[in-house]
């Protein structure tokens, strides 16, 4: 059985994580999504996230997948909050 880390460049991933968690912009978006109480709050945070996605793809494309992961997280959070009696 193949594990989730099999085949990944762990060095690249660790640098990407360090880059993301060293970015105030990234951490603010993560906090906004993680602390959202409604699907609408998640959608608002995602609007800012789209701007960051474009910037990271230009400025540091080798680490931009971290922003893509945050986007996927925001989608799941929206669904979760909608199922919890949100909008």
PDB file of N, CA and C in Angstrom:
ATOM      1  N   UNK A   1       0.844  -1.178   0.000  1.00  0.00           N
ATOM      2  CA  UNK A   1       0.000   0.000   0.000  1.00  0.00           C
ATOM      3  C   UNK A   1       0.894   1.248   0.000  1.00  0.00           C
ATOM      4  N   UNK A   2       0.586   2.170  -0.859  1.00  0.00           N
ATOM      5  CA  UNK A   2       1.368   3.391  -0.990  1.00  0.00           C
ATOM      6  C   UNK A   2       0.912   4.413   0.047  1.00  0.00           C
ATOM      7  N   UNK A   3       1.870   4.994   0.763  1.00  0.00           N
ATOM      8  CA  UNK A   3       1.570   6.019   1.757  1.00  0.00           C
ATOM      9  C   UNK A   3       1.456   7.394   1.123  1.00  0.00           C
ATOM     10  N   UNK A   4       0.894   8.321   1.844  1.00  0.00           N
ATOM     11  CA  UNK A   4       0.671   9.669   1.338  1.00  0.00           C
ATOM     12  C   UNK A   4       1.989  10.385   1.020  1.00  0.00           C
ATOM     13  N   UNK A   5       3.072  10.059   1.702  1.00  0.00           N
ATOM     14  CA  UNK A   5       4.355  10.711   1.479  1.00  0.00           C
ATOM     15  C   UNK A   5       5.188  10.032   0.396  1.00  0.00           C
ATOM     16  N   UNK A   6       4.815   8.831  -0.001  1.00  0.00           N
ATOM     17  CA  UNK A   6       5.589   8.111  -1.009  1.00  0.00           C
ATOM     18  C   UNK A   6       5.614   8.891  -2.325  1.00  0.00           C
ATOM     19  N   UNK A   7       6.820   9.118  -2.821  1.00  0.00           N
ATOM     20  CA  UNK A   7       6.973   9.790  -4.099  1.00  0.00           C
ATOM     21  C   UNK A   7       7.024  11.304  -4.017  1.00  0.00           C
ATOM     22  N   UNK A   8       6.765  11.884  -2.848  1.00  0.00           N
ATOM     23  CA  UNK A   8       6.823  13.338  -2.717  1.00  0.00           C
ATOM     24  C   UNK A   8       8.243  13.789  -2.396  1.00  0.00           C
ATOM     25  N   UNK A   9       8.577  14.948  -2.874  1.00  0.00           N
ATOM     26  CA  UNK A   9       9.868  15.556  -2.569  1.00  0.00           C
ATOM     27  C   UNK A   9       9.744  16.227  -1.199  1.00  0.00           C
ATOM     28  N   UNK A  10      10.132  15.512  -0.166  1.00  0.00           N
ATOM     29  CA  UNK A  10       9.951  15.997   1.205  1.00  0.00           C
ATOM     30  C   UNK A  10      10.709  17.289   1.462  1.00  0.00           C
ATOM     31  N   UNK A  11      11.853  17.452   0.851  1.00  0.00           N
ATOM     32  CA  UNK A  11      12.626  18.690   1.018  1.00  0.00           C
ATOM     33  C   UNK A  11      11.852  19.873   0.440  1.00  0.00           C
ATOM     34  N   UNK A  12      11.297  19.691  -0.732  1.00  0.00           N
ATOM     35  CA  UNK A  12      10.500  20.760  -1.361  1.00  0.00           C
ATOM     36  C   UNK A  12       9.261  21.073  -0.535  1.00  0.00           C
ATOM     37  N   UNK A  13       8.593  20.049  -0.065  1.00  0.00           N
ATOM     38  CA  UNK A  13       7.399  20.254   0.750  1.00  0.00           C
ATOM     39  C   UNK A  13       7.757  21.005   2.029  1.00  0.00           C
ATOM     40  N   UNK A  14       8.850  20.621   2.683  1.00  0.00           N
ATOM     41  CA  UNK A  14       9.219  21.290   3.933  1.00  0.00           C
ATOM     42  C   UNK A  14       9.562  22.757   3.691  1.00  0.00           C
ATOM     43  N   UNK A  15      10.213  23.073   2.582  1.00  0.00           N
ATOM     44  CA  UNK A  15      10.498  24.475   2.257  1.00  0.00           C
ATOM     45  C   UNK A  15       9.210  25.241   1.980  1.00  0.00           C
ATOM     46  N   UNK A  16       8.268  24.603   1.318  1.00  0.00           N
ATOM     47  CA  UNK A  16       6.992  25.250   1.026  1.00  0.00           C
ATOM     48  C   UNK A  16       6.220  25.535   2.310  1.00  0.00           C
ATOM     49  N   UNK A  17       6.222  24.584   3.223  1.00  0.00           N
ATOM     50  CA  UNK A  17       5.536  24.773   4.502  1.00  0.00           C
ATOM     51  C   UNK A  17       6.189  25.916   5.277  1.00  0.00           C
ATOM     52  N   UNK A  18       7.511  25.935   5.305  1.00  0.00           N
ATOM     53  CA  UNK A  18       8.240  27.000   5.986  1.00  0.00           C
ATOM     54  C   UNK A  18       7.927  28.359   5.357  1.00  0.00           C
ATOM     55  N   UNK A  19       7.891  28.415   4.038  1.00  0.00           N
ATOM     56  CA  UNK A  19       7.558  29.656   3.341  1.00  0.00           C
ATOM     57  C   UNK A  19       6.151  30.118   3.706  1.00  0.00           C
ATOM     58  N   UNK A  20       5.203  29.198   3.678  1.00  0.00           N
ATOM     59  CA  UNK A  20       3.810  29.550   3.980  1.00  0.00           C
ATOM     60  C   UNK A  20       3.668  30.012   5.429  1.00  0.00           C
ATOM     61  N   UNK A  21       4.209  29.248   6.357  1.00  0.00           N
ATOM     62  CA  UNK A  21       4.033  29.591   7.767  1.00  0.00           C
ATOM     63  C   UNK A  21       4.910  30.762   8.203  1.00  0.00           C
ATOM     64  N   UNK A  22       5.812  31.185   7.330  1.00  0.00           N
ATOM     65  CA  UNK A  22       6.587  32.390   7.578  1.00  0.00           C
ATOM     66  C   UNK A  22       5.943  33.623   6.960  1.00  0.00           C
ATOM     67  N   UNK A  23       4.829  33.432   6.305  1.00  0.00           N
ATOM     68  CA  UNK A  23       4.127  34.520   5.622  1.00  0.00           C
ATOM     69  C   UNK A  23       2.936  34.982   6.458  1.00  0.00           C
ATOM     70  N   UNK A  24       2.974  36.225   6.894  1.00  0.00           N
ATOM     71  CA  UNK A  24       1.843  36.773   7.664  1.00  0.00           C
ATOM     72  C   UNK A  24       0.552  36.702   6.852  1.00  0.00           C
ATOM     73  N   UNK A  25       0.662  36.977   5.574  1.00  0.00           N
ATOM     74  CA  UNK A  25      -0.500  36.951   4.687  1.00  0.00           C
ATOM     75  C   UNK A  25      -1.154  35.567   4.674  1.00  0.00           C
ATOM     76  N   UNK A  26      -0.328  34.538   4.549  1.00  0.00           N
ATOM     77  CA  UNK A  26      -0.827  33.166   4.536  1.00  0.00           C
ATOM     78  C   UNK A  26      -1.478  32.829   5.879  1.00  0.00           C
ATOM     79  N   UNK A  27      -0.804  33.174   6.961  1.00  0.00           N
ATOM     80  CA  UNK A  27      -1.324  32.852   8.295  1.00  0.00           C
ATOM     81  C   UNK A  27      -2.620  33.591   8.599  1.00  0.00           C
ATOM     82  N   UNK A  28      -2.737  34.818   8.140  1.00  0.00           N
ATOM     83  CA  UNK A  28      -3.984  35.567   8.338  1.00  0.00           C
ATOM     84  C   UNK A  28      -5.139  34.908   7.595  1.00  0.00           C
ATOM     85  N   UNK A  29      -4.873  34.457   6.366  1.00  0.00           N
ATOM     86  CA  UNK A  29      -5.926  33.767   5.611  1.00  0.00           C
ATOM     87  C   UNK A  29      -6.287  32.435   6.253  1.00  0.00           C
ATOM     88  N   UNK A  30      -5.279  31.701   6.696  1.00  0.00           N
ATOM     89  CA  UNK A  30      -5.537  30.441   7.390  1.00  0.00           C
ATOM     90  C   UNK A  30      -6.403  30.676   8.618  1.00  0.00           C
ATOM     91  N   UNK A  31      -6.074  31.693   9.398  1.00  0.00           N
ATOM     92  CA  UNK A  31      -6.853  32.001  10.604  1.00  0.00           C
ATOM     93  C   UNK A  31      -8.284  32.397  10.244  1.00  0.00           C
ATOM     94  N   UNK A  32      -8.441  33.210   9.203  1.00  0.00           N
ATOM     95  CA  UNK A  32      -9.786  33.634   8.798  1.00  0.00           C
ATOM     96  C   UNK A  32     -10.645  32.443   8.390  1.00  0.00           C
ATOM     97  N   UNK A  33     -10.050  31.519   7.667  1.00  0.00           N
ATOM     98  CA  UNK A  33     -10.795  30.332   7.226  1.00  0.00           C
ATOM     99  C   UNK A  33     -11.055  29.404   8.408  1.00  0.00           C
ATOM    100  N   UNK A  34     -10.046  29.161   9.194  1.00  0.00           N
ATOM    101  CA  UNK A  34     -10.163  28.237  10.319  1.00  0.00           C
ATOM    102  C   UNK A  34     -11.127  28.745  11.387  1.00  0.00           C
ATOM    103  N   UNK A  35     -11.196  30.053  11.560  1.00  0.00           N
ATOM    104  CA  UNK A  35     -12.043  30.636  12.608  1.00  0.00           C
ATOM    105  C   UNK A  35     -13.410  31.069  12.098  1.00  0.00           C
ATOM    106  N   UNK A  36     -13.688  30.810  10.839  1.00  0.00           N
ATOM    107  CA  UNK A  36     -14.987  31.197  10.270  1.00  0.00           C
ATOM    108  C   UNK A  36     -16.114  30.454  10.980  1.00  0.00           C
ATOM    109  N   UNK A  37     -17.219  31.170  11.162  1.00  0.00           N
ATOM    110  CA  UNK A  37     -18.394  30.571  11.789  1.00  0.00           C
ATOM    111  C   UNK A  37     -19.501  30.276  10.787  1.00  0.00           C
ATOM    112  N   UNK A  38     -19.377  30.851   9.597  1.00  0.00           N
ATOM    113  CA  UNK A  38     -20.407  30.653   8.574  1.00  0.00           C
ATOM    114  C   UNK A  38     -19.748  30.394   7.222  1.00  0.00           C
ATOM    115  N   UNK A  39     -20.484  29.768   6.329  1.00  0.00           N
ATOM    116  CA  UNK A  39     -19.955  29.585   4.973  1.00  0.00           C
ATOM    117  C   UNK A  39     -19.623  30.921   4.299  1.00  0.00           C
ATOM    118  N   UNK A  40     -20.387  31.948   4.589  1.00  0.00           N
ATOM    119  CA  UNK A  40     -20.140  33.264   3.995  1.00  0.00           C
ATOM    120  C   UNK A  40     -18.786  33.824   4.441  1.00  0.00           C
ATOM    121  N   UNK A  41     -18.434  33.637   5.686  1.00  0.00           N
ATOM    122  CA  UNK A  41     -17.126  34.098   6.166  1.00  0.00           C
ATOM    123  C   UNK A  41     -15.994  33.368   5.443  1.00  0.00           C
ATOM    124  N   UNK A  42     -16.198  32.097   5.156  1.00  0.00           N
ATOM    125  CA  UNK A  42     -15.203  31.336   4.400  1.00  0.00           C
ATOM    126  C   UNK A  42     -15.105  31.882   2.984  1.00  0.00           C
ATOM    127  N   UNK A  43     -16.236  32.161   2.359  1.00  0.00           N
ATOM    128  CA  UNK A  43     -16.226  32.702   1.000  1.00  0.00           C
ATOM    129  C   UNK A  43     -15.519  34.052   0.948  1.00  0.00           C
ATOM    130  N   UNK A  44     -15.706  34.871   1.954  1.00  0.00           N
ATOM    131  CA  UNK A  44     -15.026  36.170   2.010  1.00  0.00           C
ATOM    132  C   UNK A  44     -13.513  35.979   2.115  1.00  0.00           C
ATOM    133  N   UNK A  45     -13.086  35.061   2.960  1.00  0.00           N
ATOM    134  CA  UNK A  45     -11.653  34.787   3.095  1.00  0.00           C
ATOM    135  C   UNK A  45     -11.098  34.237   1.784  1.00  0.00           C
ATOM    136  N   UNK A  46     -11.869  33.426   1.097  1.00  0.00           N
ATOM    137  CA  UNK A  46     -11.417  32.838  -0.166  1.00  0.00           C
ATOM    138  C   UNK A  46     -11.197  33.910  -1.225  1.00  0.00           C
ATOM    139  N   UNK A  47     -11.943  34.989  -1.178  1.00  0.00           N
ATOM    140  CA  UNK A  47     -11.737  36.075  -2.140  1.00  0.00           C
ATOM    141  C   UNK A  47     -10.321  36.643  -1.992  1.00  0.00           C
ATOM    142  N   UNK A  48      -9.870  36.832  -0.768  1.00  0.00           N
ATOM    143  CA  UNK A  48      -8.506  37.292  -0.533  1.00  0.00           C
ATOM    144  C   UNK A  48      -7.486  36.238  -0.904  1.00  0.00           C
ATOM    145  N   UNK A  49      -7.849  35.011  -0.713  1.00  0.00           N
ATOM    146  CA  UNK A  49      -6.967  33.898  -1.030  1.00  0.00           C
ATOM    147  C   UNK A  49      -6.671  33.832  -2.526  1.00  0.00           C
ATOM    148  N   UNK A  50      -7.645  34.142  -3.343  1.00  0.00           N
ATOM    149  CA  UNK A  50      -7.435  34.114  -4.796  1.00  0.00           C
ATOM    150  C   UNK A  50      -6.372  35.119  -5.214  1.00  0.00           C
ATOM    151  N   UNK A  51      -6.341  36.272  -4.565  1.00  0.00           N
ATOM    152  CA  UNK A  51      -5.309  37.263  -4.866  1.00  0.00           C
ATOM    153  C   UNK A  51      -3.925  36.730  -4.489  1.00  0.00           C
ATOM    154  N   UNK A  52      -3.837  36.088  -3.346  1.00  0.00           N
ATOM    155  CA  UNK A  52      -2.566  35.534  -2.880  1.00  0.00           C
ATOM    156  C   UNK A  52      -2.122  34.400  -3.800  1.00  0.00           C
ATOM    157  N   UNK A  53      -3.064  33.609  -4.280  1.00  0.00           N
ATOM    158  CA  UNK A  53      -2.735  32.522  -5.194  1.00  0.00           C
ATOM    159  C   UNK A  53      -2.044  33.073  -6.437  1.00  0.00           C
ATOM    160  N   UNK A  54      -2.582  34.138  -6.999  1.00  0.00           N
ATOM    161  CA  UNK A  54      -1.999  34.732  -8.204  1.00  0.00           C
ATOM    162  C   UNK A  54      -0.598  35.270  -7.904  1.00  0.00           C
ATOM    163  N   UNK A  55      -0.443  35.922  -6.781  1.00  0.00           N
ATOM    164  CA  UNK A  55       0.853  36.476  -6.410  1.00  0.00           C
ATOM    165  C   UNK A  55       1.896  35.380  -6.209  1.00  0.00           C
ATOM    166  N   UNK A  56       1.539  34.355  -5.469  1.00  0.00           N
ATOM    167  CA  UNK A  56       2.496  33.275  -5.200  1.00  0.00           C
ATOM    168  C   UNK A  56       2.880  32.550  -6.482  1.00  0.00           C
ATOM    169  N   UNK A  57       1.950  32.402  -7.395  1.00  0.00           N
ATOM    170  CA  UNK A  57       2.280  31.731  -8.660  1.00  0.00           C
ATOM    171  C   UNK A  57       3.306  32.528  -9.458  1.00  0.00           C
ATOM    172  N   UNK A  58       3.310  33.845  -9.273  1.00  0.00           N
ATOM    173  CA  UNK A  58       4.299  34.687  -9.950  1.00  0.00           C
ATOM    174  C   UNK A  58       5.605  34.759  -9.165  1.00  0.00           C
ATOM    175  N   UNK A  59       5.508  34.961  -7.864  1.00  0.00           N
ATOM    176  CA  UNK A  59       6.677  35.240  -7.040  1.00  0.00           C
ATOM    177  C   UNK A  59       7.423  33.994  -6.564  1.00  0.00           C
ATOM    178  N   UNK A  60       6.691  32.961  -6.234  1.00  0.00           N
ATOM    179  CA  UNK A  60       7.347  31.736  -5.735  1.00  0.00           C
ATOM    180  C   UNK A  60       6.557  30.513  -6.197  1.00  0.00           C
ATOM    181  N   UNK A  61       6.548  30.261  -7.511  1.00  0.00           N
ATOM    182  CA  UNK A  61       5.718  29.183  -8.056  1.00  0.00           C
ATOM    183  C   UNK A  61       6.038  27.803  -7.485  1.00  0.00           C
ATOM    184  N   UNK A  62       7.274  27.590  -7.046  1.00  0.00           N
ATOM    185  CA  UNK A  62       7.630  26.277  -6.515  1.00  0.00           C
ATOM    186  C   UNK A  62       6.943  25.993  -5.168  1.00  0.00           C
ATOM    187  N   UNK A  63       6.413  27.027  -4.534  1.00  0.00           N
ATOM    188  CA  UNK A  63       5.737  26.844  -3.243  1.00  0.00           C
ATOM    189  C   UNK A  63       4.245  27.179  -3.305  1.00  0.00           C
ATOM    190  N   UNK A  64       3.765  27.551  -4.477  1.00  0.00           N
ATOM    191  CA  UNK A  64       2.378  27.993  -4.615  1.00  0.00           C
ATOM    192  C   UNK A  64       1.371  26.895  -4.282  1.00  0.00           C
ATOM    193  N   UNK A  65       1.808  25.644  -4.312  1.00  0.00           N
ATOM    194  CA  UNK A  65       0.859  24.568  -3.997  1.00  0.00           C
ATOM    195  C   UNK A  65       0.355  24.672  -2.565  1.00  0.00           C
ATOM    196  N   UNK A  66       1.085  25.349  -1.687  1.00  0.00           N
ATOM    197  CA  UNK A  66       0.607  25.537  -0.317  1.00  0.00           C
ATOM    198  C   UNK A  66      -0.643  26.409  -0.296  1.00  0.00           C
ATOM    199  N   UNK A  67      -0.691  27.405  -1.166  1.00  0.00           N
ATOM    200  CA  UNK A  67      -1.868  28.251  -1.257  1.00  0.00           C
ATOM    201  C   UNK A  67      -3.013  27.456  -1.872  1.00  0.00           C
ATOM    202  N   UNK A  68      -2.687  26.592  -2.836  1.00  0.00           N
ATOM    203  CA  UNK A  68      -3.713  25.730  -3.418  1.00  0.00           C
ATOM    204  C   UNK A  68      -4.299  24.805  -2.353  1.00  0.00           C
ATOM    205  N   UNK A  69      -3.453  24.296  -1.475  1.00  0.00           N
ATOM    206  CA  UNK A  69      -3.930  23.446  -0.377  1.00  0.00           C
ATOM    207  C   UNK A  69      -4.860  24.227   0.552  1.00  0.00           C
ATOM    208  N   UNK A  70      -4.501  25.477   0.814  1.00  0.00           N
ATOM    209  CA  UNK A  70      -5.351  26.318   1.658  1.00  0.00           C
ATOM    210  C   UNK A  70      -6.697  26.559   0.979  1.00  0.00           C
ATOM    211  N   UNK A  71      -6.690  26.708  -0.334  1.00  0.00           N
ATOM    212  CA  UNK A  71      -7.934  26.878  -1.078  1.00  0.00           C
ATOM    213  C   UNK A  71      -8.813  25.626  -0.931  1.00  0.00           C
ATOM    214  N   UNK A  72      -8.207  24.459  -1.081  1.00  0.00           N
ATOM    215  CA  UNK A  72      -8.960  23.208  -0.899  1.00  0.00           C
ATOM    216  C   UNK A  72      -9.518  23.115   0.516  1.00  0.00           C
ATOM    217  N   UNK A  73      -8.710  23.517   1.490  1.00  0.00           N
ATOM    218  CA  UNK A  73      -9.160  23.538   2.889  1.00  0.00           C
ATOM    219  C   UNK A  73     -10.375  24.454   3.031  1.00  0.00           C
ATOM    220  N   UNK A  74     -10.349  25.618   2.374  1.00  0.00           N
ATOM    221  CA  UNK A  74     -11.476  26.551   2.480  1.00  0.00           C
ATOM    222  C   UNK A  74     -12.752  25.953   1.893  1.00  0.00           C
ATOM    223  N   UNK A  75     -12.607  25.212   0.801  1.00  0.00           N
ATOM    224  CA  UNK A  75     -13.787  24.558   0.220  1.00  0.00           C
ATOM    225  C   UNK A  75     -14.395  23.551   1.193  1.00  0.00           C
ATOM    226  N   UNK A  76     -13.537  22.766   1.828  1.00  0.00           N
ATOM    227  CA  UNK A  76     -14.032  21.769   2.783  1.00  0.00           C
ATOM    228  C   UNK A  76     -14.647  22.434   4.011  1.00  0.00           C
ATOM    229  N   UNK A  77     -14.046  23.535   4.455  1.00  0.00           N
ATOM    230  CA  UNK A  77     -14.598  24.261   5.607  1.00  0.00           C
ATOM    231  C   UNK A  77     -15.971  24.825   5.281  1.00  0.00           C
ATOM    232  N   UNK A  78     -16.137  25.326   4.082  1.00  0.00           N
ATOM    233  CA  UNK A  78     -17.446  25.859   3.686  1.00  0.00           C
ATOM    234  C   UNK A  78     -18.500  24.767   3.718  1.00  0.00           C
ATOM    235  N   UNK A  79     -18.187  23.619   3.172  1.00  0.00           N
ATOM    236  CA  UNK A  79     -19.124  22.491   3.186  1.00  0.00           C
ATOM    237  C   UNK A  79     -19.411  22.054   4.619  1.00  0.00           C
ATOM    238  N   UNK A  80     -18.375  21.977   5.436  1.00  0.00           N
ATOM    239  CA  UNK A  80     -18.528  21.580   6.829  1.00  0.00           C
ATOM    240  C   UNK A  80     -19.446  22.538   7.569  1.00  0.00           C
ATOM    241  N   UNK A  81     -19.202  23.836   7.413  1.00  0.00           N
ATOM    242  CA  UNK A  81     -20.018  24.826   8.119  1.00  0.00           C
ATOM    243  C   UNK A  81     -21.449  24.827   7.599  1.00  0.00           C
ATOM    244  N   UNK A  82     -21.635  24.608   6.321  1.00  0.00           N
ATOM    245  CA  UNK A  82     -22.991  24.534   5.764  1.00  0.00           C
ATOM    246  C   UNK A  82     -23.738  23.345   6.355  1.00  0.00           C
ATOM    247  N   UNK A  83     -23.040  22.252   6.573  1.00  0.00           N
ATOM    248  CA  UNK A  83     -23.648  21.067   7.156  1.00  0.00           C
ATOM    249  C   UNK A  83     -23.908  21.186   8.642  1.00  0.00           C
ATOM    250  N   UNK A  84     -23.227  22.118   9.307  1.00  0.00           N
ATOM    251  CA  UNK A  84     -23.367  22.322  10.739  1.00  0.00           C
ATOM    252  C   UNK A  84     -24.506  23.291  11.054  1.00  0.00           C
ATOM    253  N   UNK A  85     -25.311  23.598  10.060  1.00  0.00           N
ATOM    254  CA  UNK A  85     -26.424  24.509  10.310  1.00  0.00           C
ATOM    255  C   UNK A  85     -26.123  25.931   9.894  1.00  0.00           C
ATOM    256  N   UNK A  86     -25.004  26.102   9.193  1.00  0.00           N
ATOM    257  CA  UNK A  86     -24.709  27.411   8.634  1.00  0.00           C
ATOM    258  C   UNK A  86     -25.704  27.721   7.535  1.00  0.00           C
ATOM    259  N   UNK A  87     -25.333  28.579   6.645  1.00  0.00           N
ATOM    260  CA  UNK A  87     -26.251  28.972   5.568  1.00  0.00           C
ATOM    261  C   UNK A  87     -26.718  27.796   4.759  1.00  0.00           C
TER     262      UNK A  87
END
